[in-house]
Amino acid sequence: MNRKSLLSLALAAALPALSGVAKAQSLVTFEGASSFTSVAEFHNGGTDGTGVAGTSNFGIAFTGAALALSNDVLGPYFSNAPSPLTVMFATDFTAYMNVAAGFTRGLALHYSYLNPNFQVGLDLVKIYSGLNGTGTLLASMSLFPNAQLGCTDSPFCRFSPSSVLFAGIAQSVSFGGEAGMAAFDNIAVTVVPEPGTAAMLLAGLCATGFMTARRCG
């Protein structure tokens, strides 16, 4: 078997694994974050606003206006959330989710939207190409007032799934369109794989002698 055939076989074996990494979704559930405190770096290998360490490192951070919310003796504040212990809500228009490495394809989440006028929340969730709502607006999501459809046991007692697709690479999501009127849970994004993934593939091919010295250097 010649070198070209060996290279083809090597790439055929390696690319599915690389593709799997690129398509892996990160699911942000907010479980374990401190209530009425900024989610902060809880899903970014760090801590929330009170110093509680998160259990995941998705490369996803939240600004100070994006607070975790759990039920307590003064509640309940919400019920029937897909991840039942903790959700997220925005206290003002500066509530952003930031993904420094970027994310692609789309955004999926569950939401509970309370609007006393029963109006659709136009552009309540917005996706931007830059951090903290900068750059180009790539997509927006309108939420239907659903918080108490068929239930009354809490202010936010019904959570509905929603998703939106976009082209390009995004770095932030704004949740502050109508602060205090919506709760969010189970946010799913496809984070761009670290450059090291492709570098490892190249290094492996170089080590096995499939790539030329010029291309490996």
N, C-alpha and C. Protein backbone atom coordinates (compact mmCIF):
# COMPACT_ATOMS: atom_id res chain seq x y z
N MET A 1 0.85 -1.19 0.00
CA MET A 1 0.00 0.00 0.00
C MET A 1 0.89 1.25 0.00
N ASN A 2 0.64 2.19 -0.93
CA ASN A 2 1.48 3.37 -1.03
C ASN A 2 1.12 4.41 0.04
N ARG A 3 1.95 5.46 0.12
CA ARG A 3 1.78 6.47 1.17
C ARG A 3 0.45 7.19 1.02
N LYS A 4 0.02 7.46 -0.19
CA LYS A 4 -1.23 8.17 -0.40
C LYS A 4 -2.40 7.38 0.16
N SER A 5 -2.36 6.07 -0.06
CA SER A 5 -3.44 5.23 0.45
C SER A 5 -3.42 5.19 1.97
N LEU A 6 -2.20 5.12 2.55
CA LEU A 6 -2.08 5.10 4.01
C LEU A 6 -2.59 6.41 4.61
N LEU A 7 -2.28 7.54 3.94
CA LEU A 7 -2.75 8.83 4.42
C LEU A 7 -4.27 8.90 4.39
N SER A 8 -4.87 8.37 3.32
CA SER A 8 -6.32 8.38 3.20
C SER A 8 -6.96 7.57 4.32
N LEU A 9 -6.36 6.42 4.62
CA LEU A 9 -6.88 5.59 5.69
C LEU A 9 -6.75 6.28 7.05
N ALA A 10 -5.62 6.95 7.26
CA ALA A 10 -5.39 7.63 8.53
C ALA A 10 -6.39 8.76 8.73
N LEU A 11 -6.62 9.53 7.67
CA LEU A 11 -7.58 10.63 7.76
C LEU A 11 -8.99 10.11 7.96
N ALA A 12 -9.32 9.01 7.27
CA ALA A 12 -10.65 8.43 7.41
C ALA A 12 -10.91 7.99 8.84
N ALA A 13 -9.86 7.52 9.50
CA ALA A 13 -10.01 7.06 10.88
C ALA A 13 -10.05 8.22 11.86
N ALA A 14 -9.32 9.30 11.55
CA ALA A 14 -9.20 10.41 12.49
C ALA A 14 -10.34 11.41 12.40
N LEU A 15 -10.84 11.68 11.20
CA LEU A 15 -11.82 12.73 11.01
C LEU A 15 -13.14 12.49 11.73
N PRO A 16 -13.66 11.25 11.82
CA PRO A 16 -14.89 11.07 12.58
C PRO A 16 -14.75 11.49 14.03
N ALA A 17 -13.61 11.20 14.64
CA ALA A 17 -13.39 11.60 16.03
C ALA A 17 -13.32 13.11 16.15
N LEU A 18 -12.63 13.75 15.20
CA LEU A 18 -12.53 15.21 15.21
C LEU A 18 -13.89 15.84 15.01
N SER A 19 -14.69 15.25 14.10
CA SER A 19 -16.03 15.76 13.85
C SER A 19 -16.90 15.61 15.08
N GLY A 20 -16.73 14.51 15.82
CA GLY A 20 -17.50 14.31 17.03
C GLY A 20 -17.22 15.37 18.06
N VAL A 21 -15.95 15.78 18.16
CA VAL A 21 -15.60 16.84 19.10
C VAL A 21 -16.26 18.14 18.69
N ALA A 22 -16.24 18.44 17.38
CA ALA A 22 -16.78 19.71 16.89
C ALA A 22 -18.29 19.81 17.10
N LYS A 23 -19.00 18.66 17.10
CA LYS A 23 -20.44 18.67 17.21
C LYS A 23 -20.94 18.47 18.64
N ALA A 24 -20.02 18.29 19.59
CA ALA A 24 -20.42 18.03 20.96
C ALA A 24 -21.11 19.26 21.55
N GLN A 25 -22.25 19.05 22.18
CA GLN A 25 -22.99 20.15 22.79
C GLN A 25 -22.65 20.30 24.26
N SER A 26 -22.65 21.53 24.71
CA SER A 26 -22.51 21.82 26.14
C SER A 26 -23.89 22.19 26.66
N LEU A 27 -24.31 21.53 27.75
CA LEU A 27 -25.64 21.77 28.32
C LEU A 27 -25.49 22.46 29.67
N VAL A 28 -25.94 23.70 29.74
CA VAL A 28 -25.86 24.50 30.96
C VAL A 28 -27.17 24.35 31.72
N THR A 29 -27.11 23.77 32.93
CA THR A 29 -28.31 23.49 33.70
C THR A 29 -28.46 24.37 34.94
N PHE A 30 -27.40 25.03 35.38
CA PHE A 30 -27.38 25.91 36.55
C PHE A 30 -27.53 25.16 37.87
N GLU A 31 -27.63 23.84 37.84
CA GLU A 31 -27.77 23.08 39.07
C GLU A 31 -26.53 23.27 39.95
N GLY A 32 -26.73 23.61 41.21
CA GLY A 32 -25.63 23.79 42.14
C GLY A 32 -25.18 25.22 42.33
N ALA A 33 -25.57 26.12 41.43
CA ALA A 33 -25.19 27.52 41.58
C ALA A 33 -26.02 28.16 42.69
N SER A 34 -25.45 29.15 43.36
CA SER A 34 -26.10 29.78 44.51
C SER A 34 -27.25 30.68 44.07
N SER A 35 -28.37 30.55 44.75
CA SER A 35 -29.56 31.31 44.40
C SER A 35 -29.38 32.81 44.66
N PHE A 36 -29.98 33.62 43.80
CA PHE A 36 -29.93 35.08 43.87
C PHE A 36 -28.49 35.59 43.81
N THR A 37 -27.65 34.86 43.10
CA THR A 37 -26.25 35.23 42.93
C THR A 37 -25.87 35.07 41.46
N SER A 38 -24.97 35.90 40.99
CA SER A 38 -24.52 35.79 39.61
C SER A 38 -23.97 34.40 39.32
N VAL A 39 -24.38 33.84 38.17
CA VAL A 39 -23.84 32.54 37.75
C VAL A 39 -22.34 32.66 37.49
N ALA A 40 -21.92 33.81 36.97
CA ALA A 40 -20.50 34.17 36.79
C ALA A 40 -19.71 33.07 36.06
N GLU A 41 -18.66 32.56 36.70
CA GLU A 41 -17.76 31.59 36.06
C GLU A 41 -18.09 30.14 36.44
N PHE A 42 -19.29 29.90 36.92
CA PHE A 42 -19.67 28.58 37.41
C PHE A 42 -19.53 27.49 36.35
N HIS A 43 -19.76 27.85 35.08
CA HIS A 43 -19.62 26.90 33.97
C HIS A 43 -18.38 27.21 33.12
N ASN A 44 -17.44 27.91 33.74
CA ASN A 44 -16.22 28.28 33.04
C ASN A 44 -14.99 27.85 33.83
N GLY A 45 -15.14 26.78 34.60
CA GLY A 45 -14.03 26.28 35.40
C GLY A 45 -13.76 27.09 36.64
N GLY A 46 -14.71 27.97 36.99
CA GLY A 46 -14.51 28.84 38.15
C GLY A 46 -15.63 28.73 39.15
N THR A 47 -16.05 29.87 39.70
CA THR A 47 -17.07 29.87 40.75
C THR A 47 -18.20 30.83 40.40
N ASP A 48 -19.30 30.69 41.16
CA ASP A 48 -20.38 31.66 41.02
C ASP A 48 -20.07 32.89 41.86
N GLY A 49 -21.02 33.80 42.00
CA GLY A 49 -20.77 35.05 42.71
C GLY A 49 -20.48 34.91 44.18
N THR A 50 -20.81 33.77 44.78
CA THR A 50 -20.52 33.57 46.20
C THR A 50 -19.29 32.71 46.42
N GLY A 51 -18.62 32.29 45.34
CA GLY A 51 -17.42 31.48 45.47
C GLY A 51 -17.65 30.00 45.41
N VAL A 52 -18.87 29.56 45.11
CA VAL A 52 -19.14 28.12 44.97
C VAL A 52 -18.60 27.65 43.63
N ALA A 53 -17.77 26.61 43.66
CA ALA A 53 -17.14 26.10 42.44
C ALA A 53 -18.12 25.28 41.61
N GLY A 54 -18.06 25.49 40.32
CA GLY A 54 -18.89 24.71 39.42
C GLY A 54 -18.31 23.33 39.17
N THR A 55 -19.12 22.46 38.61
CA THR A 55 -18.69 21.09 38.33
C THR A 55 -18.37 20.87 36.86
N SER A 56 -18.46 21.91 36.06
CA SER A 56 -18.19 21.78 34.62
C SER A 56 -17.36 22.96 34.14
N ASN A 57 -16.61 22.72 33.07
CA ASN A 57 -15.85 23.79 32.43
C ASN A 57 -16.17 23.77 30.94
N PHE A 58 -17.25 24.47 30.59
CA PHE A 58 -17.69 24.53 29.20
C PHE A 58 -17.09 25.72 28.46
N GLY A 59 -16.34 26.57 29.17
CA GLY A 59 -15.88 27.80 28.55
C GLY A 59 -17.00 28.80 28.41
N ILE A 60 -18.00 28.70 29.30
CA ILE A 60 -19.19 29.55 29.23
C ILE A 60 -19.29 30.36 30.52
N ALA A 61 -19.34 31.68 30.39
CA ALA A 61 -19.42 32.58 31.55
C ALA A 61 -20.65 33.47 31.42
N PHE A 62 -21.08 34.03 32.56
CA PHE A 62 -22.25 34.90 32.60
C PHE A 62 -21.89 36.22 33.29
N THR A 63 -22.50 37.29 32.83
CA THR A 63 -22.27 38.59 33.45
C THR A 63 -23.06 38.69 34.76
N GLY A 64 -22.79 39.75 35.51
CA GLY A 64 -23.35 39.88 36.85
C GLY A 64 -24.86 39.94 36.92
N ALA A 65 -25.53 40.36 35.86
CA ALA A 65 -26.99 40.48 35.88
C ALA A 65 -27.70 39.17 35.58
N ALA A 66 -26.96 38.11 35.27
CA ALA A 66 -27.55 36.79 35.04
C ALA A 66 -27.46 36.00 36.33
N LEU A 67 -28.56 35.88 37.05
CA LEU A 67 -28.57 35.29 38.38
C LEU A 67 -29.17 33.88 38.38
N ALA A 68 -28.61 33.03 39.23
CA ALA A 68 -29.21 31.72 39.48
C ALA A 68 -30.40 31.92 40.42
N LEU A 69 -31.40 31.02 40.28
CA LEU A 69 -32.58 31.12 41.13
C LEU A 69 -33.02 29.73 41.56
N SER A 70 -33.11 29.54 42.88
CA SER A 70 -33.60 28.28 43.44
C SER A 70 -34.77 28.59 44.37
N ASN A 71 -35.68 27.64 44.50
CA ASN A 71 -36.80 27.83 45.41
C ASN A 71 -36.33 27.80 46.87
N ASP A 72 -37.01 28.58 47.71
CA ASP A 72 -36.69 28.59 49.14
C ASP A 72 -37.98 28.77 49.94
N VAL A 73 -37.87 29.09 51.22
CA VAL A 73 -39.05 29.18 52.07
C VAL A 73 -39.98 30.33 51.67
N LEU A 74 -39.47 31.29 50.93
CA LEU A 74 -40.29 32.40 50.46
C LEU A 74 -40.97 32.08 49.14
N GLY A 75 -40.56 31.00 48.50
CA GLY A 75 -41.10 30.61 47.20
C GLY A 75 -42.35 29.75 47.33
N PRO A 76 -42.65 28.94 46.29
CA PRO A 76 -41.76 28.69 45.15
C PRO A 76 -41.80 29.81 44.12
N TYR A 77 -40.68 29.96 43.42
CA TYR A 77 -40.58 30.94 42.35
C TYR A 77 -40.85 30.30 40.99
N PHE A 78 -40.53 29.02 40.88
CA PHE A 78 -40.74 28.30 39.62
C PHE A 78 -41.03 26.84 39.93
N SER A 79 -41.53 26.14 38.93
CA SER A 79 -41.78 24.71 39.04
C SER A 79 -41.73 24.10 37.65
N ASN A 80 -41.57 22.77 37.61
CA ASN A 80 -41.59 22.01 36.35
C ASN A 80 -40.46 22.37 35.39
N ALA A 81 -39.35 22.89 35.92
CA ALA A 81 -38.19 23.18 35.07
C ALA A 81 -37.52 21.86 34.67
N PRO A 82 -36.91 21.79 33.50
CA PRO A 82 -36.25 20.54 33.08
C PRO A 82 -35.14 20.11 34.01
N SER A 83 -34.38 21.06 34.56
CA SER A 83 -33.43 20.77 35.64
C SER A 83 -34.05 21.41 36.89
N PRO A 84 -34.60 20.61 37.81
CA PRO A 84 -35.59 21.10 38.76
C PRO A 84 -35.11 22.00 39.88
N LEU A 85 -33.81 22.03 40.17
CA LEU A 85 -33.37 22.73 41.36
C LEU A 85 -33.03 24.20 41.13
N THR A 86 -32.51 24.54 39.96
CA THR A 86 -32.02 25.90 39.72
C THR A 86 -32.26 26.32 38.28
N VAL A 87 -32.66 27.57 38.10
CA VAL A 87 -32.80 28.15 36.76
C VAL A 87 -32.04 29.48 36.75
N MET A 88 -32.12 30.21 35.66
CA MET A 88 -31.44 31.50 35.54
C MET A 88 -32.46 32.56 35.13
N PHE A 89 -32.29 33.77 35.69
CA PHE A 89 -33.12 34.89 35.24
C PHE A 89 -32.26 36.15 35.17
N ALA A 90 -32.70 37.10 34.37
CA ALA A 90 -31.95 38.34 34.15
C ALA A 90 -32.54 39.45 35.00
N THR A 91 -31.67 40.20 35.67
CA THR A 91 -32.13 41.32 36.48
C THR A 91 -32.15 42.65 35.72
N ASP A 92 -31.37 42.74 34.64
CA ASP A 92 -31.43 43.94 33.80
C ASP A 92 -30.89 43.60 32.41
N PHE A 93 -30.79 44.63 31.57
CA PHE A 93 -30.45 44.41 30.15
C PHE A 93 -29.00 43.98 29.94
N THR A 94 -28.18 43.99 30.98
CA THR A 94 -26.76 43.62 30.83
C THR A 94 -26.51 42.14 31.10
N ALA A 95 -27.56 41.33 31.12
CA ALA A 95 -27.40 39.90 31.37
C ALA A 95 -26.97 39.19 30.08
N TYR A 96 -25.72 38.74 30.05
CA TYR A 96 -25.18 38.08 28.87
C TYR A 96 -24.56 36.73 29.25
N MET A 97 -24.63 35.81 28.32
CA MET A 97 -23.85 34.59 28.37
C MET A 97 -22.72 34.75 27.36
N ASN A 98 -21.47 34.59 27.80
CA ASN A 98 -20.31 34.76 26.93
C ASN A 98 -19.57 33.44 26.71
N VAL A 99 -19.22 33.18 25.46
CA VAL A 99 -18.45 32.00 25.09
C VAL A 99 -17.24 32.50 24.32
N ALA A 100 -16.12 32.63 24.99
CA ALA A 100 -14.94 33.25 24.38
C ALA A 100 -14.45 32.49 23.15
N ALA A 101 -14.53 31.15 23.19
CA ALA A 101 -14.09 30.35 22.04
C ALA A 101 -15.07 30.41 20.89
N GLY A 102 -16.30 30.85 21.17
CA GLY A 102 -17.34 30.91 20.16
C GLY A 102 -18.18 29.64 20.13
N PHE A 103 -19.39 29.77 19.60
CA PHE A 103 -20.24 28.60 19.38
C PHE A 103 -20.95 28.72 18.04
N THR A 104 -21.35 27.60 17.49
CA THR A 104 -21.85 27.56 16.13
C THR A 104 -23.23 26.91 16.05
N ARG A 105 -23.79 26.97 14.87
CA ARG A 105 -25.01 26.27 14.47
C ARG A 105 -26.29 26.86 15.05
N GLY A 106 -26.39 26.94 16.36
CA GLY A 106 -27.63 27.42 16.92
C GLY A 106 -27.62 27.46 18.43
N LEU A 107 -28.77 27.83 18.97
CA LEU A 107 -28.97 27.92 20.42
C LEU A 107 -30.28 27.23 20.74
N ALA A 108 -30.27 26.38 21.78
CA ALA A 108 -31.48 25.73 22.25
C ALA A 108 -31.61 25.96 23.75
N LEU A 109 -32.83 26.10 24.21
CA LEU A 109 -33.04 26.34 25.64
C LEU A 109 -34.49 26.03 26.01
N HIS A 110 -34.76 26.03 27.31
CA HIS A 110 -36.12 26.00 27.84
C HIS A 110 -36.38 27.34 28.52
N TYR A 111 -37.59 27.85 28.38
CA TYR A 111 -37.90 29.15 28.96
C TYR A 111 -39.29 29.15 29.58
N SER A 112 -39.48 30.08 30.51
CA SER A 112 -40.79 30.37 31.08
C SER A 112 -40.94 31.88 31.07
N TYR A 113 -41.89 32.38 30.29
CA TYR A 113 -42.01 33.82 30.05
C TYR A 113 -43.35 34.33 30.58
N LEU A 114 -43.27 35.26 31.51
CA LEU A 114 -44.46 35.82 32.14
C LEU A 114 -44.69 37.23 31.62
N ASN A 115 -45.81 37.41 30.92
CA ASN A 115 -46.14 38.73 30.39
C ASN A 115 -47.61 39.02 30.69
N PRO A 116 -47.89 39.96 31.58
CA PRO A 116 -49.28 40.21 31.97
C PRO A 116 -50.16 40.66 30.82
N ASN A 117 -49.56 41.21 29.77
CA ASN A 117 -50.33 41.65 28.60
C ASN A 117 -50.43 40.57 27.53
N PHE A 118 -49.84 39.42 27.84
CA PHE A 118 -49.89 38.27 26.94
C PHE A 118 -49.39 38.62 25.53
N GLN A 119 -48.30 39.37 25.49
CA GLN A 119 -47.70 39.74 24.23
C GLN A 119 -46.43 38.92 24.00
N VAL A 120 -46.18 38.60 22.75
CA VAL A 120 -44.96 37.87 22.41
C VAL A 120 -43.75 38.72 22.75
N GLY A 121 -42.74 38.10 23.38
CA GLY A 121 -41.52 38.82 23.73
C GLY A 121 -40.59 38.94 22.54
N LEU A 122 -40.81 39.97 21.71
CA LEU A 122 -40.03 40.13 20.50
C LEU A 122 -38.56 40.35 20.82
N ASP A 123 -37.71 39.55 20.19
CA ASP A 123 -36.26 39.69 20.35
C ASP A 123 -35.83 39.66 21.81
N LEU A 124 -36.48 38.84 22.60
CA LEU A 124 -36.13 38.75 24.02
C LEU A 124 -34.74 38.15 24.20
N VAL A 125 -34.38 37.20 23.36
CA VAL A 125 -33.05 36.57 23.39
C VAL A 125 -32.34 36.90 22.08
N LYS A 126 -31.13 37.44 22.19
CA LYS A 126 -30.38 37.84 21.00
C LYS A 126 -28.99 37.21 21.01
N ILE A 127 -28.53 36.83 19.83
CA ILE A 127 -27.23 36.17 19.68
C ILE A 127 -26.32 37.08 18.86
N TYR A 128 -25.11 37.31 19.40
CA TYR A 128 -24.17 38.24 18.77
C TYR A 128 -22.84 37.57 18.43
N SER A 129 -22.15 38.15 17.46
CA SER A 129 -20.85 37.60 17.04
C SER A 129 -19.74 37.96 18.01
N GLY A 130 -19.92 39.00 18.83
CA GLY A 130 -18.89 39.41 19.78
C GLY A 130 -19.33 39.20 21.22
N LEU A 131 -18.42 39.41 22.14
CA LEU A 131 -18.71 39.25 23.55
C LEU A 131 -19.59 40.40 24.06
N ASN A 132 -20.41 40.11 25.07
CA ASN A 132 -21.24 41.13 25.72
C ASN A 132 -22.12 41.90 24.74
N GLY A 133 -22.68 41.18 23.79
CA GLY A 133 -23.62 41.81 22.87
C GLY A 133 -23.01 42.74 21.85
N THR A 134 -21.75 42.56 21.55
CA THR A 134 -21.09 43.40 20.54
C THR A 134 -21.04 42.67 19.21
N GLY A 135 -20.56 43.37 18.20
CA GLY A 135 -20.43 42.76 16.89
C GLY A 135 -21.76 42.71 16.15
N THR A 136 -21.94 41.68 15.36
CA THR A 136 -23.12 41.53 14.50
C THR A 136 -24.21 40.73 15.20
N LEU A 137 -25.46 41.17 15.05
CA LEU A 137 -26.60 40.40 15.53
C LEU A 137 -26.82 39.23 14.57
N LEU A 138 -26.61 38.02 15.04
CA LEU A 138 -26.71 36.83 14.19
C LEU A 138 -28.10 36.22 14.17
N ALA A 139 -28.82 36.32 15.26
CA ALA A 139 -30.16 35.75 15.33
C ALA A 139 -30.86 36.27 16.57
N SER A 140 -32.17 36.16 16.60
CA SER A 140 -32.94 36.54 17.78
C SER A 140 -34.07 35.54 17.97
N MET A 141 -34.56 35.45 19.19
CA MET A 141 -35.59 34.48 19.54
C MET A 141 -36.74 35.19 20.22
N SER A 142 -37.94 35.00 19.70
CA SER A 142 -39.15 35.55 20.31
C SER A 142 -39.78 34.49 21.20
N LEU A 143 -40.16 34.87 22.41
CA LEU A 143 -40.73 33.94 23.35
C LEU A 143 -42.22 34.19 23.53
N PHE A 144 -42.98 33.11 23.56
CA PHE A 144 -44.43 33.20 23.76
C PHE A 144 -44.75 33.19 25.25
N PRO A 145 -45.64 34.06 25.71
CA PRO A 145 -45.99 34.07 27.14
C PRO A 145 -46.60 32.74 27.57
N ASN A 146 -45.82 31.95 28.28
CA ASN A 146 -46.24 30.59 28.61
C ASN A 146 -46.19 30.27 30.10
N ALA A 147 -45.75 31.23 30.93
CA ALA A 147 -45.36 30.94 32.31
C ALA A 147 -46.45 30.26 33.12
N GLN A 148 -47.71 30.56 32.83
CA GLN A 148 -48.79 29.97 33.62
C GLN A 148 -49.88 29.37 32.74
N LEU A 149 -49.47 28.81 31.63
CA LEU A 149 -50.41 28.12 30.77
C LEU A 149 -50.69 26.73 31.34
N GLY A 150 -51.89 26.55 31.88
CA GLY A 150 -52.28 25.25 32.42
C GLY A 150 -51.75 24.98 33.81
N CYS A 151 -51.20 26.00 34.49
CA CYS A 151 -50.67 25.79 35.84
C CYS A 151 -50.68 27.11 36.60
N THR A 152 -50.73 27.00 37.94
CA THR A 152 -50.75 28.20 38.77
C THR A 152 -49.96 28.02 40.07
N ASP A 153 -49.17 26.95 40.17
CA ASP A 153 -48.51 26.64 41.43
C ASP A 153 -47.28 27.50 41.70
N SER A 154 -46.83 28.28 40.72
CA SER A 154 -45.70 29.19 40.91
C SER A 154 -45.74 30.23 39.80
N PRO A 155 -45.02 31.35 39.96
CA PRO A 155 -45.01 32.36 38.90
C PRO A 155 -44.52 31.83 37.55
N PHE A 156 -43.50 30.96 37.59
CA PHE A 156 -42.96 30.36 36.38
C PHE A 156 -43.17 28.84 36.48
N CYS A 157 -44.33 28.37 36.11
CA CYS A 157 -44.65 26.96 36.31
C CYS A 157 -44.70 26.15 35.02
N ARG A 158 -44.45 26.78 33.90
CA ARG A 158 -44.40 26.03 32.64
C ARG A 158 -43.16 26.44 31.87
N PHE A 159 -42.34 25.47 31.49
CA PHE A 159 -41.14 25.70 30.69
C PHE A 159 -41.31 25.04 29.33
N SER A 160 -41.02 25.81 28.29
CA SER A 160 -41.16 25.31 26.92
C SER A 160 -39.81 25.31 26.22
N PRO A 161 -39.57 24.34 25.34
CA PRO A 161 -38.33 24.34 24.58
C PRO A 161 -38.40 25.31 23.41
N SER A 162 -37.27 25.88 23.06
CA SER A 162 -37.18 26.76 21.90
C SER A 162 -35.76 26.69 21.36
N SER A 163 -35.62 26.97 20.08
CA SER A 163 -34.29 26.95 19.47
C SER A 163 -34.25 27.88 18.28
N VAL A 164 -33.05 28.29 17.90
CA VAL A 164 -32.86 29.14 16.74
C VAL A 164 -31.53 28.80 16.10
N LEU A 165 -31.47 28.82 14.77
CA LEU A 165 -30.25 28.54 14.03
C LEU A 165 -29.65 29.84 13.52
N PHE A 166 -28.35 29.82 13.30
CA PHE A 166 -27.68 31.00 12.74
C PHE A 166 -26.45 30.55 11.98
N ALA A 167 -25.95 31.42 11.12
CA ALA A 167 -24.72 31.15 10.37
C ALA A 167 -23.57 31.89 11.02
N GLY A 168 -22.38 31.30 10.96
CA GLY A 168 -21.20 31.95 11.52
C GLY A 168 -20.89 31.46 12.92
N ILE A 169 -20.07 32.24 13.61
CA ILE A 169 -19.65 31.91 14.97
C ILE A 169 -20.10 33.02 15.91
N ALA A 170 -20.80 32.64 16.97
CA ALA A 170 -21.29 33.59 17.96
C ALA A 170 -20.43 33.53 19.22
N GLN A 171 -20.43 34.63 19.97
CA GLN A 171 -19.70 34.66 21.23
C GLN A 171 -20.55 35.08 22.42
N SER A 172 -21.76 35.56 22.19
CA SER A 172 -22.56 35.99 23.33
C SER A 172 -24.05 35.88 23.04
N VAL A 173 -24.82 35.78 24.13
CA VAL A 173 -26.28 35.75 24.07
C VAL A 173 -26.80 36.75 25.09
N SER A 174 -27.72 37.60 24.68
CA SER A 174 -28.36 38.55 25.59
C SER A 174 -29.68 37.97 26.07
N PHE A 175 -29.90 37.99 27.40
CA PHE A 175 -31.14 37.52 27.99
C PHE A 175 -31.94 38.65 28.65
N GLY A 176 -31.48 39.87 28.50
CA GLY A 176 -32.07 40.98 29.25
C GLY A 176 -33.12 41.77 28.52
N GLY A 177 -33.77 41.19 27.51
CA GLY A 177 -34.77 41.92 26.75
C GLY A 177 -35.91 42.43 27.60
N GLU A 178 -36.38 41.60 28.54
CA GLU A 178 -37.42 42.02 29.47
C GLU A 178 -37.04 41.46 30.84
N ALA A 179 -36.14 42.14 31.49
CA ALA A 179 -35.56 41.66 32.75
C ALA A 179 -36.63 41.34 33.78
N GLY A 180 -36.47 40.19 34.44
CA GLY A 180 -37.38 39.78 35.49
C GLY A 180 -38.65 39.11 35.01
N MET A 181 -38.83 39.04 33.69
CA MET A 181 -40.06 38.48 33.15
C MET A 181 -39.89 37.06 32.63
N ALA A 182 -38.66 36.54 32.63
CA ALA A 182 -38.43 35.21 32.07
C ALA A 182 -37.40 34.45 32.88
N ALA A 183 -37.58 33.14 32.93
CA ALA A 183 -36.60 32.24 33.54
C ALA A 183 -36.12 31.27 32.46
N PHE A 184 -34.85 30.88 32.54
CA PHE A 184 -34.26 30.03 31.51
C PHE A 184 -33.58 28.81 32.15
N ASP A 185 -33.56 27.72 31.40
CA ASP A 185 -32.93 26.51 31.89
C ASP A 185 -32.44 25.67 30.70
N ASN A 186 -31.52 24.76 30.99
CA ASN A 186 -31.01 23.82 29.99
C ASN A 186 -30.63 24.49 28.66
N ILE A 187 -29.69 25.41 28.75
CA ILE A 187 -29.20 26.11 27.57
C ILE A 187 -28.14 25.25 26.89
N ALA A 188 -28.34 24.96 25.61
CA ALA A 188 -27.44 24.07 24.88
C ALA A 188 -26.79 24.81 23.71
N VAL A 189 -25.48 24.76 23.64
CA VAL A 189 -24.73 25.36 22.53
C VAL A 189 -23.63 24.40 22.10
N THR A 190 -23.18 24.56 20.87
CA THR A 190 -22.07 23.77 20.35
C THR A 190 -20.83 24.65 20.34
N VAL A 191 -20.00 24.50 21.36
CA VAL A 191 -18.80 25.33 21.50
C VAL A 191 -17.77 24.93 20.46
N VAL A 192 -17.13 25.91 19.85
CA VAL A 192 -16.08 25.65 18.88
C VAL A 192 -14.94 24.90 19.56
N PRO A 193 -14.46 23.78 18.96
CA PRO A 193 -13.38 23.01 19.61
C PRO A 193 -12.11 23.83 19.70
N GLU A 194 -11.33 23.55 20.73
CA GLU A 194 -10.08 24.25 20.92
C GLU A 194 -9.11 23.96 19.78
N PRO A 195 -8.26 24.92 19.43
CA PRO A 195 -7.29 24.70 18.35
C PRO A 195 -6.41 23.48 18.61
N GLY A 196 -6.24 23.11 19.86
CA GLY A 196 -5.40 21.98 20.19
C GLY A 196 -5.90 20.67 19.60
N THR A 197 -7.22 20.57 19.35
CA THR A 197 -7.76 19.34 18.78
C THR A 197 -7.20 19.10 17.39
N ALA A 198 -7.23 20.14 16.54
CA ALA A 198 -6.68 20.00 15.20
C ALA A 198 -5.17 19.81 15.25
N ALA A 199 -4.53 20.49 16.20
CA ALA A 199 -3.08 20.37 16.32
C ALA A 199 -2.68 18.95 16.70
N MET A 200 -3.47 18.30 17.55
CA MET A 200 -3.16 16.93 17.94
C MET A 200 -3.27 15.99 16.75
N LEU A 201 -4.27 16.22 15.89
CA LEU A 201 -4.42 15.40 14.70
C LEU A 201 -3.22 15.56 13.79
N LEU A 202 -2.79 16.81 13.56
CA LEU A 202 -1.63 17.07 12.71
C LEU A 202 -0.38 16.44 13.30
N ALA A 203 -0.20 16.58 14.61
CA ALA A 203 0.97 16.02 15.25
C ALA A 203 1.00 14.50 15.11
N GLY A 204 -0.16 13.88 15.21
CA GLY A 204 -0.22 12.43 15.07
C GLY A 204 0.16 11.98 13.67
N LEU A 205 -0.30 12.71 12.66
CA LEU A 205 0.04 12.37 11.29
C LEU A 205 1.53 12.59 11.03
N CYS A 206 2.08 13.66 11.61
CA CYS A 206 3.50 13.93 11.45
C CYS A 206 4.33 12.81 12.10
N ALA A 207 3.87 12.39 13.28
CA ALA A 207 4.62 11.37 14.01
C ALA A 207 4.66 10.05 13.25
N THR A 208 3.62 9.77 12.50
CA THR A 208 3.58 8.51 11.76
C THR A 208 4.20 8.64 10.37
N GLY A 209 4.68 9.85 10.03
CA GLY A 209 5.40 10.05 8.80
C GLY A 209 4.52 10.26 7.58
N PHE A 210 3.21 10.53 7.79
CA PHE A 210 2.32 10.70 6.66
C PHE A 210 2.43 12.09 6.04
N MET A 211 2.84 13.08 6.85
CA MET A 211 2.94 14.45 6.36
C MET A 211 4.40 14.76 6.06
N THR A 212 4.62 15.67 5.13
CA THR A 212 5.98 16.04 4.76
C THR A 212 6.60 16.91 5.83
N ALA A 213 7.88 16.99 5.86
CA ALA A 213 8.59 17.79 6.87
C ALA A 213 8.21 19.26 6.72
N ARG A 214 8.00 19.73 5.49
CA ARG A 214 7.67 21.12 5.28
C ARG A 214 6.32 21.47 5.90
N ARG A 215 5.32 20.57 5.74
CA ARG A 215 3.99 20.84 6.26
C ARG A 215 3.94 20.68 7.77
N CYS A 216 4.82 19.87 8.35
CA CYS A 216 4.85 19.68 9.79
C CYS A 216 5.67 20.76 10.49
N GLY A 217 6.56 21.41 9.78
CA GLY A 217 7.42 22.39 10.39
C GLY A 217 6.78 23.74 10.57
